[in-house]
Amino acid sequence: MTFDRQLLISLGLTLISSVLILVCIKIASSIHLPYFVTPALAAGLGFLEPRRGWLLAVVQAAIIWLGYMIFVPTATDTADADVEAFGLYGSMILTFAGSFIGGLLKRGLDKGK
């Protein structure tokens, strides 16, 4: 695996998408918004990097977790904290699934050409 310009651009997009996911986790009153946004953004990352999408998924999951633990203020209400935690850990799992699906889609479309 080589670090080229395309991978650096994809890592920048991964950072942006991770911040969007963190915002969705924090503002959502239920898990539906983060569980919709995360696979869509992760599929986009897998589509951008069909062979190295796993690396982007690992980076995104790490940024989501670290960003939540370091930068996001914790909820004071127990119910809100539970929803945020469920959204956080579920989004980390959905990142891998979405990236895998996006990579499969891109490889399938490239094979048809």
PDB file of N, CA and C in Angstrom:
ATOM      1  N   MET A   1       0.845  -1.166   0.000  1.00  0.00           N
ATOM      2  CA  MET A   1       0.000   0.000   0.000  1.00  0.00           C
ATOM      3  C   MET A   1       0.892   1.232   0.000  1.00  0.00           C
ATOM      4  N   THR A   2       0.596   2.136  -0.918  1.00  0.00           N
ATOM      5  CA  THR A   2       1.368   3.365  -1.006  1.00  0.00           C
ATOM      6  C   THR A   2       0.496   4.555  -0.655  1.00  0.00           C
ATOM      7  N   PHE A   3       1.123   5.542  -0.045  1.00  0.00           N
ATOM      8  CA  PHE A   3       0.430   6.779   0.276  1.00  0.00           C
ATOM      9  C   PHE A   3       0.630   7.738  -0.885  1.00  0.00           C
ATOM     10  N   ASP A   4      -0.412   7.920  -1.654  1.00  0.00           N
ATOM     11  CA  ASP A   4      -0.351   8.825  -2.787  1.00  0.00           C
ATOM     12  C   ASP A   4      -1.311   9.994  -2.566  1.00  0.00           C
ATOM     13  N   ARG A   5      -1.391  10.842  -3.556  1.00  0.00           N
ATOM     14  CA  ARG A   5      -2.224  12.041  -3.437  1.00  0.00           C
ATOM     15  C   ARG A   5      -3.700  11.686  -3.258  1.00  0.00           C
ATOM     16  N   GLN A   6      -4.170  10.683  -3.991  1.00  0.00           N
ATOM     17  CA  GLN A   6      -5.573  10.278  -3.900  1.00  0.00           C
ATOM     18  C   GLN A   6      -5.917   9.786  -2.494  1.00  0.00           C
ATOM     19  N   LEU A   7      -5.011   9.045  -1.877  1.00  0.00           N
ATOM     20  CA  LEU A   7      -5.257   8.560  -0.515  1.00  0.00           C
ATOM     21  C   LEU A   7      -5.286   9.718   0.486  1.00  0.00           C
ATOM     22  N   LEU A   8      -4.425  10.694   0.295  1.00  0.00           N
ATOM     23  CA  LEU A   8      -4.433  11.850   1.189  1.00  0.00           C
ATOM     24  C   LEU A   8      -5.722  12.652   1.042  1.00  0.00           C
ATOM     25  N   ILE A   9      -6.207  12.805  -0.175  1.00  0.00           N
ATOM     26  CA  ILE A   9      -7.486  13.484  -0.395  1.00  0.00           C
ATOM     27  C   ILE A   9      -8.612  12.692   0.264  1.00  0.00           C
ATOM     28  N   SER A  10      -8.583  11.376   0.106  1.00  0.00           N
ATOM     29  CA  SER A  10      -9.601  10.526   0.718  1.00  0.00           C
ATOM     30  C   SER A  10      -9.548  10.590   2.241  1.00  0.00           C
ATOM     31  N   LEU A  11      -8.355  10.691   2.805  1.00  0.00           N
ATOM     32  CA  LEU A  11      -8.231  10.826   4.261  1.00  0.00           C
ATOM     33  C   LEU A  11      -8.805  12.163   4.733  1.00  0.00           C
ATOM     34  N   GLY A  12      -8.631  13.214   3.944  1.00  0.00           N
ATOM     35  CA  GLY A  12      -9.246  14.491   4.270  1.00  0.00           C
ATOM     36  C   GLY A  12     -10.762  14.408   4.241  1.00  0.00           C
ATOM     37  N   LEU A  13     -11.298  13.730   3.227  1.00  0.00           N
ATOM     38  CA  LEU A  13     -12.745  13.524   3.163  1.00  0.00           C
ATOM     39  C   LEU A  13     -13.235  12.646   4.309  1.00  0.00           C
ATOM     40  N   THR A  14     -12.410  11.716   4.739  1.00  0.00           N
ATOM     41  CA  THR A  14     -12.749  10.881   5.887  1.00  0.00           C
ATOM     42  C   THR A  14     -12.864  11.723   7.151  1.00  0.00           C
ATOM     43  N   LEU A  15     -11.964  12.668   7.318  1.00  0.00           N
ATOM     44  CA  LEU A  15     -12.030  13.565   8.477  1.00  0.00           C
ATOM     45  C   LEU A  15     -13.316  14.390   8.451  1.00  0.00           C
ATOM     46  N   ILE A  16     -13.652  14.932   7.288  1.00  0.00           N
ATOM     47  CA  ILE A  16     -14.877  15.732   7.158  1.00  0.00           C
ATOM     48  C   ILE A  16     -16.116  14.885   7.438  1.00  0.00           C
ATOM     49  N   SER A  17     -16.162  13.685   6.870  1.00  0.00           N
ATOM     50  CA  SER A  17     -17.330  12.827   7.092  1.00  0.00           C
ATOM     51  C   SER A  17     -17.427  12.385   8.551  1.00  0.00           C
ATOM     52  N   SER A  18     -16.295  12.188   9.195  1.00  0.00           N
ATOM     53  CA  SER A  18     -16.311  11.808  10.610  1.00  0.00           C
ATOM     54  C   SER A  18     -16.878  12.927  11.471  1.00  0.00           C
ATOM     55  N   VAL A  19     -16.529  14.160  11.145  1.00  0.00           N
ATOM     56  CA  VAL A  19     -17.074  15.300  11.893  1.00  0.00           C
ATOM     57  C   VAL A  19     -18.580  15.395  11.671  1.00  0.00           C
ATOM     58  N   LEU A  20     -19.033  15.171  10.442  1.00  0.00           N
ATOM     59  CA  LEU A  20     -20.477  15.180  10.169  1.00  0.00           C
ATOM     60  C   LEU A  20     -21.198  14.096  10.961  1.00  0.00           C
ATOM     61  N   ILE A  21     -20.603  12.936  11.050  1.00  0.00           N
ATOM     62  CA  ILE A  21     -21.210  11.840  11.811  1.00  0.00           C
ATOM     63  C   ILE A  21     -21.274  12.197  13.293  1.00  0.00           C
ATOM     64  N   LEU A  22     -20.214  12.800  13.816  1.00  0.00           N
ATOM     65  CA  LEU A  22     -20.222  13.215  15.223  1.00  0.00           C
ATOM     66  C   LEU A  22     -21.315  14.240  15.497  1.00  0.00           C
ATOM     67  N   VAL A  23     -21.498  15.172  14.573  1.00  0.00           N
ATOM     68  CA  VAL A  23     -22.566  16.164  14.732  1.00  0.00           C
ATOM     69  C   VAL A  23     -23.924  15.472  14.719  1.00  0.00           C
ATOM     70  N   CYS A  24     -24.100  14.515  13.813  1.00  0.00           N
ATOM     71  CA  CYS A  24     -25.366  13.775  13.758  1.00  0.00           C
ATOM     72  C   CYS A  24     -25.619  13.002  15.040  1.00  0.00           C
ATOM     73  N   ILE A  25     -24.583  12.383  15.584  1.00  0.00           N
ATOM     74  CA  ILE A  25     -24.740  11.634  16.831  1.00  0.00           C
ATOM     75  C   ILE A  25     -25.156  12.567  17.959  1.00  0.00           C
ATOM     76  N   LYS A  26     -24.571  13.748  18.004  1.00  0.00           N
ATOM     77  CA  LYS A  26     -24.836  14.671  19.102  1.00  0.00           C
ATOM     78  C   LYS A  26     -26.210  15.327  18.989  1.00  0.00           C
ATOM     79  N   ILE A  27     -26.640  15.702  17.782  1.00  0.00           N
ATOM     80  CA  ILE A  27     -27.897  16.444  17.661  1.00  0.00           C
ATOM     81  C   ILE A  27     -29.120  15.548  17.521  1.00  0.00           C
ATOM     82  N   ALA A  28     -28.920  14.283  17.209  1.00  0.00           N
ATOM     83  CA  ALA A  28     -30.051  13.390  16.963  1.00  0.00           C
ATOM     84  C   ALA A  28     -30.765  13.038  18.261  1.00  0.00           C
ATOM     85  N   SER A  29     -32.081  13.042  18.194  1.00  0.00           N
ATOM     86  CA  SER A  29     -32.858  12.647  19.364  1.00  0.00           C
ATOM     87  C   SER A  29     -33.121  11.137  19.371  1.00  0.00           C
ATOM     88  N   SER A  30     -32.830  10.482  18.253  1.00  0.00           N
ATOM     89  CA  SER A  30     -32.925   9.023  18.166  1.00  0.00           C
ATOM     90  C   SER A  30     -31.748   8.533  17.335  1.00  0.00           C
ATOM     91  N   ILE A  31     -31.664   7.236  17.135  1.00  0.00           N
ATOM     92  CA  ILE A  31     -30.517   6.682  16.409  1.00  0.00           C
ATOM     93  C   ILE A  31     -30.703   6.706  14.902  1.00  0.00           C
ATOM     94  N   HIS A  32     -31.840   7.121  14.420  1.00  0.00           N
ATOM     95  CA  HIS A  32     -32.123   7.020  12.996  1.00  0.00           C
ATOM     96  C   HIS A  32     -31.213   7.885  12.136  1.00  0.00           C
ATOM     97  N   LEU A  33     -30.958   9.116  12.544  1.00  0.00           N
ATOM     98  CA  LEU A  33     -30.120  10.010  11.739  1.00  0.00           C
ATOM     99  C   LEU A  33     -28.688   9.502  11.615  1.00  0.00           C
ATOM    100  N   PRO A  34     -27.997   9.175  12.716  1.00  0.00           N
ATOM    101  CA  PRO A  34     -26.634   8.668  12.536  1.00  0.00           C
ATOM    102  C   PRO A  34     -26.586   7.327  11.802  1.00  0.00           C
ATOM    103  N   TYR A  35     -27.620   6.510  11.969  1.00  0.00           N
ATOM    104  CA  TYR A  35     -27.631   5.214  11.302  1.00  0.00           C
ATOM    105  C   TYR A  35     -27.983   5.333   9.823  1.00  0.00           C
ATOM    106  N   PHE A  36     -28.461   6.471   9.399  1.00  0.00           N
ATOM    107  CA  PHE A  36     -28.694   6.728   7.977  1.00  0.00           C
ATOM    108  C   PHE A  36     -27.477   7.407   7.348  1.00  0.00           C
ATOM    109  N   VAL A  37     -26.914   8.372   8.049  1.00  0.00           N
ATOM    110  CA  VAL A  37     -25.811   9.162   7.511  1.00  0.00           C
ATOM    111  C   VAL A  37     -24.517   8.352   7.445  1.00  0.00           C
ATOM    112  N   THR A  38     -24.226   7.590   8.480  1.00  0.00           N
ATOM    113  CA  THR A  38     -22.951   6.862   8.549  1.00  0.00           C
ATOM    114  C   THR A  38     -22.750   5.882   7.402  1.00  0.00           C
ATOM    115  N   PRO A  39     -23.689   4.988   7.100  1.00  0.00           N
ATOM    116  CA  PRO A  39     -23.428   4.066   5.987  1.00  0.00           C
ATOM    117  C   PRO A  39     -23.343   4.783   4.643  1.00  0.00           C
ATOM    118  N   ALA A  40     -24.101   5.874   4.481  1.00  0.00           N
ATOM    119  CA  ALA A  40     -24.036   6.608   3.225  1.00  0.00           C
ATOM    120  C   ALA A  40     -22.653   7.237   3.022  1.00  0.00           C
ATOM    121  N   LEU A  41     -22.138   7.879   4.061  1.00  0.00           N
ATOM    122  CA  LEU A  41     -20.815   8.490   3.955  1.00  0.00           C
ATOM    123  C   LEU A  41     -19.717   7.425   3.834  1.00  0.00           C
ATOM    124  N   ALA A  42     -19.850   6.341   4.566  1.00  0.00           N
ATOM    125  CA  ALA A  42     -18.853   5.273   4.490  1.00  0.00           C
ATOM    126  C   ALA A  42     -18.882   4.583   3.138  1.00  0.00           C
ATOM    127  N   ALA A  43     -20.065   4.435   2.551  1.00  0.00           N
ATOM    128  CA  ALA A  43     -20.139   3.849   1.211  1.00  0.00           C
ATOM    129  C   ALA A  43     -19.456   4.757   0.204  1.00  0.00           C
ATOM    130  N   GLY A  44     -19.583   6.052   0.403  1.00  0.00           N
ATOM    131  CA  GLY A  44     -18.882   6.994  -0.466  1.00  0.00           C
ATOM    132  C   GLY A  44     -17.374   6.852  -0.354  1.00  0.00           C
ATOM    133  N   LEU A  45     -16.887   6.646   0.852  1.00  0.00           N
ATOM    134  CA  LEU A  45     -15.451   6.447   1.036  1.00  0.00           C
ATOM    135  C   LEU A  45     -14.992   5.136   0.410  1.00  0.00           C
ATOM    136  N   GLY A  46     -15.786   4.091   0.556  1.00  0.00           N
ATOM    137  CA  GLY A  46     -15.458   2.818  -0.084  1.00  0.00           C
ATOM    138  C   GLY A  46     -15.494   2.917  -1.593  1.00  0.00           C
ATOM    139  N   PHE A  47     -16.389   3.755  -2.104  1.00  0.00           N
ATOM    140  CA  PHE A  47     -16.477   3.967  -3.553  1.00  0.00           C
ATOM    141  C   PHE A  47     -15.245   4.729  -4.055  1.00  0.00           C
ATOM    142  N   LEU A  48     -14.760   5.678  -3.262  1.00  0.00           N
ATOM    143  CA  LEU A  48     -13.561   6.433  -3.640  1.00  0.00           C
ATOM    144  C   LEU A  48     -12.316   5.557  -3.649  1.00  0.00           C
ATOM    145  N   GLU A  49     -12.196   4.712  -2.670  1.00  0.00           N
ATOM    146  CA  GLU A  49     -11.020   3.849  -2.514  1.00  0.00           C
ATOM    147  C   GLU A  49     -11.469   2.395  -2.390  1.00  0.00           C
ATOM    148  N   PRO A  50     -11.794   1.741  -3.506  1.00  0.00           N
ATOM    149  CA  PRO A  50     -12.320   0.377  -3.410  1.00  0.00           C
ATOM    150  C   PRO A  50     -11.325  -0.641  -2.844  1.00  0.00           C
ATOM    151  N   ARG A  51     -10.046  -0.434  -3.039  1.00  0.00           N
ATOM    152  CA  ARG A  51      -9.051  -1.385  -2.527  1.00  0.00           C
ATOM    153  C   ARG A  51      -8.526  -1.002  -1.149  1.00  0.00           C
ATOM    154  N   ARG A  52      -8.519   0.292  -0.846  1.00  0.00           N
ATOM    155  CA  ARG A  52      -7.997   0.749   0.440  1.00  0.00           C
ATOM    156  C   ARG A  52      -9.103   1.317   1.328  1.00  0.00           C
ATOM    157  N   GLY A  53     -10.341   0.960   1.049  1.00  0.00           N
ATOM    158  CA  GLY A  53     -11.464   1.439   1.842  1.00  0.00           C
ATOM    159  C   GLY A  53     -11.422   0.966   3.275  1.00  0.00           C
ATOM    160  N   TRP A  54     -10.822  -0.189   3.513  1.00  0.00           N
ATOM    161  CA  TRP A  54     -10.702  -0.695   4.874  1.00  0.00           C
ATOM    162  C   TRP A  54      -9.869   0.256   5.730  1.00  0.00           C
ATOM    163  N   LEU A  55      -8.823   0.848   5.124  1.00  0.00           N
ATOM    164  CA  LEU A  55      -7.997   1.801   5.855  1.00  0.00           C
ATOM    165  C   LEU A  55      -8.807   3.048   6.211  1.00  0.00           C
ATOM    166  N   LEU A  56      -9.595   3.526   5.266  1.00  0.00           N
ATOM    167  CA  LEU A  56     -10.440   4.693   5.525  1.00  0.00           C
ATOM    168  C   LEU A  56     -11.486   4.375   6.595  1.00  0.00           C
ATOM    169  N   ALA A  57     -12.009   3.157   6.580  1.00  0.00           N
ATOM    170  CA  ALA A  57     -12.997   2.761   7.592  1.00  0.00           C
ATOM    171  C   ALA A  57     -12.362   2.712   8.979  1.00  0.00           C
ATOM    172  N   VAL A  58     -11.162   2.199   9.083  1.00  0.00           N
ATOM    173  CA  VAL A  58     -10.469   2.162  10.372  1.00  0.00           C
ATOM    174  C   VAL A  58     -10.195   3.578  10.861  1.00  0.00           C
ATOM    175  N   VAL A  59      -9.735   4.444   9.956  1.00  0.00           N
ATOM    176  CA  VAL A  59      -9.456   5.830  10.329  1.00  0.00           C
ATOM    177  C   VAL A  59     -10.745   6.529  10.759  1.00  0.00           C
ATOM    178  N   GLN A  60     -11.834   6.326  10.006  1.00  0.00           N
ATOM    179  CA  GLN A  60     -13.093   6.973  10.347  1.00  0.00           C
ATOM    180  C   GLN A  60     -13.617   6.487  11.695  1.00  0.00           C
ATOM    181  N   ALA A  61     -13.570   5.197  11.948  1.00  0.00           N
ATOM    182  CA  ALA A  61     -14.038   4.667  13.235  1.00  0.00           C
ATOM    183  C   ALA A  61     -13.195   5.226  14.383  1.00  0.00           C
ATOM    184  N   ALA A  62     -11.896   5.327  14.173  1.00  0.00           N
ATOM    185  CA  ALA A  62     -11.026   5.873  15.220  1.00  0.00           C
ATOM    186  C   ALA A  62     -11.317   7.354  15.462  1.00  0.00           C
ATOM    187  N   ILE A  63     -11.517   8.113  14.389  1.00  0.00           N
ATOM    188  CA  ILE A  63     -11.817   9.536  14.542  1.00  0.00           C
ATOM    189  C   ILE A  63     -13.157   9.723  15.244  1.00  0.00           C
ATOM    190  N   ILE A  64     -14.136   8.917  14.877  1.00  0.00           N
ATOM    191  CA  ILE A  64     -15.451   9.024  15.516  1.00  0.00           C
ATOM    192  C   ILE A  64     -15.321   8.759  17.017  1.00  0.00           C
ATOM    193  N   TRP A  65     -14.647   7.688  17.380  1.00  0.00           N
ATOM    194  CA  TRP A  65     -14.525   7.336  18.791  1.00  0.00           C
ATOM    195  C   TRP A  65     -13.703   8.370  19.558  1.00  0.00           C
ATOM    196  N   LEU A  66     -12.526   8.716  19.029  1.00  0.00           N
ATOM    197  CA  LEU A  66     -11.674   9.683  19.714  1.00  0.00           C
ATOM    198  C   LEU A  66     -12.331  11.059  19.777  1.00  0.00           C
ATOM    199  N   GLY A  67     -12.966  11.461  18.679  1.00  0.00           N
ATOM    200  CA  GLY A  67     -13.646  12.749  18.663  1.00  0.00           C
ATOM    201  C   GLY A  67     -14.763  12.811  19.684  1.00  0.00           C
ATOM    202  N   TYR A  68     -15.500  11.727  19.813  1.00  0.00           N
ATOM    203  CA  TYR A  68     -16.587  11.701  20.795  1.00  0.00           C
ATOM    204  C   TYR A  68     -16.038  11.734  22.209  1.00  0.00           C
ATOM    205  N   MET A  69     -14.997  10.974  22.474  1.00  0.00           N
ATOM    206  CA  MET A  69     -14.444  10.904  23.824  1.00  0.00           C
ATOM    207  C   MET A  69     -13.722  12.184  24.235  1.00  0.00           C
ATOM    208  N   ILE A  70     -13.110  12.879  23.279  1.00  0.00           N
ATOM    209  CA  ILE A  70     -12.294  14.045  23.607  1.00  0.00           C
ATOM    210  C   ILE A  70     -13.057  15.358  23.461  1.00  0.00           C
ATOM    211  N   PHE A  71     -13.767  15.530  22.338  1.00  0.00           N
ATOM    212  CA  PHE A  71     -14.313  16.843  22.007  1.00  0.00           C
ATOM    213  C   PHE A  71     -15.796  17.023  22.300  1.00  0.00           C
ATOM    214  N   VAL A  72     -16.560  15.958  22.280  1.00  0.00           N
ATOM    215  CA  VAL A  72     -18.006  16.086  22.436  1.00  0.00           C
ATOM    216  C   VAL A  72     -18.363  16.072  23.922  1.00  0.00           C
ATOM    217  N   PRO A  73     -19.081  17.099  24.385  1.00  0.00           N
ATOM    218  CA  PRO A  73     -19.493  17.084  25.800  1.00  0.00           C
ATOM    219  C   PRO A  73     -20.505  15.968  26.046  1.00  0.00           C
ATOM    220  N   THR A  74     -20.361  15.305  27.159  1.00  0.00           N
ATOM    221  CA  THR A  74     -21.254  14.189  27.468  1.00  0.00           C
ATOM    222  C   THR A  74     -22.635  14.701  27.856  1.00  0.00           C
ATOM    223  N   ALA A  75     -23.621  13.910  27.543  1.00  0.00           N
ATOM    224  CA  ALA A  75     -25.005  14.268  27.852  1.00  0.00           C
ATOM    225  C   ALA A  75     -25.246  14.139  29.353  1.00  0.00           C
ATOM    226  N   THR A  76     -26.060  15.052  29.875  1.00  0.00           N
ATOM    227  CA  THR A  76     -26.364  15.017  31.305  1.00  0.00           C
ATOM    228  C   THR A  76     -27.508  14.063  31.623  1.00  0.00           C
ATOM    229  N   ASP A  77     -28.414  13.909  30.685  1.00  0.00           N
ATOM    230  CA  ASP A  77     -29.557  13.014  30.873  1.00  0.00           C
ATOM    231  C   ASP A  77     -29.134  11.587  30.532  1.00  0.00           C
ATOM    232  N   THR A  78     -29.545  10.637  31.334  1.00  0.00           N
ATOM    233  CA  THR A  78     -29.178   9.232  31.117  1.00  0.00           C
ATOM    234  C   THR A  78     -29.720   8.707  29.797  1.00  0.00           C
ATOM    235  N   ALA A  79     -30.954   9.060  29.465  1.00  0.00           N
ATOM    236  CA  ALA A  79     -31.541   8.583  28.207  1.00  0.00           C
ATOM    237  C   ALA A  79     -30.779   9.141  27.013  1.00  0.00           C
ATOM    238  N   ASP A  80     -30.421  10.422  27.046  1.00  0.00           N
ATOM    239  CA  ASP A  80     -29.649  11.014  25.952  1.00  0.00           C
ATOM    240  C   ASP A  80     -28.269  10.390  25.844  1.00  0.00           C
ATOM    241  N   ALA A  81     -27.650  10.119  26.976  1.00  0.00           N
ATOM    242  CA  ALA A  81     -26.330   9.483  26.972  1.00  0.00           C
ATOM    243  C   ALA A  81     -26.404   8.086  26.373  1.00  0.00           C
ATOM    244  N   ASP A  82     -27.468   7.351  26.669  1.00  0.00           N
ATOM    245  CA  ASP A  82     -27.629   6.013  26.106  1.00  0.00           C
ATOM    246  C   ASP A  82     -27.838   6.062  24.594  1.00  0.00           C
ATOM    247  N   VAL A  83     -28.645   7.013  24.135  1.00  0.00           N
ATOM    248  CA  VAL A  83     -28.883   7.155  22.693  1.00  0.00           C
ATOM    249  C   VAL A  83     -27.584   7.535  21.984  1.00  0.00           C
ATOM    250  N   GLU A  84     -26.823   8.455  22.579  1.00  0.00           N
ATOM    251  CA  GLU A  84     -25.548   8.858  21.980  1.00  0.00           C
ATOM    252  C   GLU A  84     -24.560   7.689  21.937  1.00  0.00           C
ATOM    253  N   ALA A  85     -24.486   6.924  23.009  1.00  0.00           N
ATOM    254  CA  ALA A  85     -23.567   5.782  23.039  1.00  0.00           C
ATOM    255  C   ALA A  85     -23.972   4.734  22.016  1.00  0.00           C
ATOM    256  N   PHE A  86     -25.265   4.473  21.912  1.00  0.00           N
ATOM    257  CA  PHE A  86     -25.744   3.508  20.929  1.00  0.00           C
ATOM    258  C   PHE A  86     -25.463   4.005  19.517  1.00  0.00           C
ATOM    259  N   GLY A  87     -25.673   5.290  19.296  1.00  0.00           N
ATOM    260  CA  GLY A  87     -25.371   5.878  17.986  1.00  0.00           C
ATOM    261  C   GLY A  87     -23.888   5.842  17.677  1.00  0.00           C
ATOM    262  N   LEU A  88     -23.064   6.089  18.685  1.00  0.00           N
ATOM    263  CA  LEU A  88     -21.612   6.091  18.493  1.00  0.00           C
ATOM    264  C   LEU A  88     -21.095   4.716  18.093  1.00  0.00           C
ATOM    265  N   TYR A  89     -21.376   3.722  18.911  1.00  0.00           N
ATOM    266  CA  TYR A  89     -20.825   2.386  18.645  1.00  0.00           C
ATOM    267  C   TYR A  89     -21.478   1.740  17.423  1.00  0.00           C
ATOM    268  N   GLY A  90     -22.750   2.003  17.204  1.00  0.00           N
ATOM    269  CA  GLY A  90     -23.389   1.493  15.995  1.00  0.00           C
ATOM    270  C   GLY A  90     -22.826   2.139  14.748  1.00  0.00           C
ATOM    271  N   SER A  91     -22.516   3.422  14.815  1.00  0.00           N
ATOM    272  CA  SER A  91     -21.928   4.114  13.669  1.00  0.00           C
ATOM    273  C   SER A  91     -20.540   3.583  13.355  1.00  0.00           C
ATOM    274  N   MET A  92     -19.804   3.216  14.388  1.00  0.00           N
ATOM    275  CA  MET A  92     -18.480   2.649  14.148  1.00  0.00           C
ATOM    276  C   MET A  92     -18.586   1.323  13.393  1.00  0.00           C
ATOM    277  N   ILE A  93     -19.562   0.511  13.745  1.00  0.00           N
ATOM    278  CA  ILE A  93     -19.767  -0.767  13.049  1.00  0.00           C
ATOM    279  C   ILE A  93     -20.273  -0.528  11.640  1.00  0.00           C
ATOM    280  N   LEU A  94     -21.228   0.392  11.492  1.00  0.00           N
ATOM    281  CA  LEU A  94     -21.785   0.680  10.172  1.00  0.00           C
ATOM    282  C   LEU A  94     -20.758   1.296   9.236  1.00  0.00           C
ATOM    283  N   THR A  95     -19.730   1.914   9.774  1.00  0.00           N
ATOM    284  CA  THR A  95     -18.653   2.453   8.943  1.00  0.00           C
ATOM    285  C   THR A  95     -17.988   1.335   8.146  1.00  0.00           C
ATOM    286  N   PHE A  96     -17.730   0.220   8.785  1.00  0.00           N
ATOM    287  CA  PHE A  96     -17.084  -0.891   8.091  1.00  0.00           C
ATOM    288  C   PHE A  96     -18.015  -1.517   7.058  1.00  0.00           C
ATOM    289  N   ALA A  97     -19.267  -1.670   7.410  1.00  0.00           N
ATOM    290  CA  ALA A  97     -20.230  -2.248   6.470  1.00  0.00           C
ATOM    291  C   ALA A  97     -20.424  -1.334   5.264  1.00  0.00           C
ATOM    292  N   GLY A  98     -20.581  -0.041   5.492  1.00  0.00           N
ATOM    293  CA  GLY A  98     -20.778   0.899   4.400  1.00  0.00           C
ATOM    294  C   GLY A  98     -19.574   0.980   3.483  1.00  0.00           C
ATOM    295  N   SER A  99     -18.387   0.994   4.044  1.00  0.00           N
ATOM    296  CA  SER A  99     -17.171   1.041   3.234  1.00  0.00           C
ATOM    297  C   SER A  99     -17.027  -0.217   2.382  1.00  0.00           C
ATOM    298  N   PHE A 100     -17.350  -1.351   2.960  1.00  0.00           N
ATOM    299  CA  PHE A 100     -17.296  -2.614   2.218  1.00  0.00           C
ATOM    300  C   PHE A 100     -18.283  -2.605   1.052  1.00  0.00           C
ATOM    301  N   ILE A 101     -19.491  -2.147   1.299  1.00  0.00           N
ATOM    302  CA  ILE A 101     -20.513  -2.103   0.247  1.00  0.00           C
ATOM    303  C   ILE A 101     -20.118  -1.117  -0.851  1.00  0.00           C
ATOM    304  N   GLY A 102     -19.594   0.045  -0.469  1.00  0.00           N
ATOM    305  CA  GLY A 102     -19.152   1.021  -1.462  1.00  0.00           C
ATOM    306  C   GLY A 102     -18.023   0.488  -2.329  1.00  0.00           C
ATOM    307  N   GLY A 103     -17.073  -0.215  -1.708  1.00  0.00           N
ATOM    308  CA  GLY A 103     -15.983  -0.821  -2.469  1.00  0.00           C
ATOM    309  C   GLY A 103     -16.471  -1.889  -3.423  1.00  0.00           C
ATOM    310  N   LEU A 104     -17.415  -2.719  -2.971  1.00  0.00           N
ATOM    311  CA  LEU A 104     -17.991  -3.743  -3.855  1.00  0.00           C
ATOM    312  C   LEU A 104     -18.734  -3.107  -5.023  1.00  0.00           C
ATOM    313  N   LEU A 105     -19.459  -2.054  -4.755  1.00  0.00           N
ATOM    314  CA  LEU A 105     -20.199  -1.367  -5.805  1.00  0.00           C
ATOM    315  C   LEU A 105     -19.252  -0.794  -6.852  1.00  0.00           C
ATOM    316  N   LYS A 106     -18.193  -0.140  -6.418  1.00  0.00           N
ATOM    317  CA  LYS A 106     -17.229   0.445  -7.354  1.00  0.00           C
ATOM    318  C   LYS A 106     -16.538  -0.628  -8.180  1.00  0.00           C
ATOM    319  N   ARG A 107     -16.106  -1.712  -7.526  1.00  0.00           N
ATOM    320  CA  ARG A 107     -15.445  -2.791  -8.270  1.00  0.00           C
ATOM    321  C   ARG A 107     -16.406  -3.449  -9.256  1.00  0.00           C
ATOM    322  N   GLY A 108     -17.661  -3.574  -8.874  1.00  0.00           N
ATOM    323  CA  GLY A 108     -18.658  -4.137  -9.780  1.00  0.00           C
ATOM    324  C   GLY A 108     -18.920  -3.242 -10.971  1.00  0.00           C
ATOM    325  N   LEU A 109     -18.975  -1.962 -10.738  1.00  0.00           N
ATOM    326  CA  LEU A 109     -19.180  -1.029 -11.850  1.00  0.00           C
ATOM    327  C   LEU A 109     -17.959  -0.968 -12.761  1.00  0.00           C
ATOM    328  N   ASP A 110     -16.770  -1.060 -12.193  1.00  0.00           N
ATOM    329  CA  ASP A 110     -15.552  -1.054 -13.002  1.00  0.00           C
ATOM    330  C   ASP A 110     -15.428  -2.324 -13.826  1.00  0.00           C
ATOM    331  N   LYS A 111     -15.918  -3.438 -13.292  1.00  0.00           N
ATOM    332  CA  LYS A 111     -15.827  -4.710 -14.000  1.00  0.00           C
ATOM    333  C   LYS A 111     -16.738  -4.708 -15.230  1.00  0.00           C
ATOM    334  N   GLY A 112     -17.844  -3.978 -15.155  1.00  0.00           N
ATOM    335  CA  GLY A 112     -18.783  -3.921 -16.261  1.00  0.00           C
ATOM    336  C   GLY A 112     -18.299  -3.110 -17.442  1.00  0.00           C
ATOM    337  N   LYS A 113     -17.253  -2.327 -17.269  1.00  0.00           N
ATOM    338  CA  LYS A 113     -16.748  -1.485 -18.369  1.00  0.00           C
ATOM    339  C   LYS A 113     -15.948  -2.250 -19.364  1.00  0.00           C
TER     340      LYS A 113
END
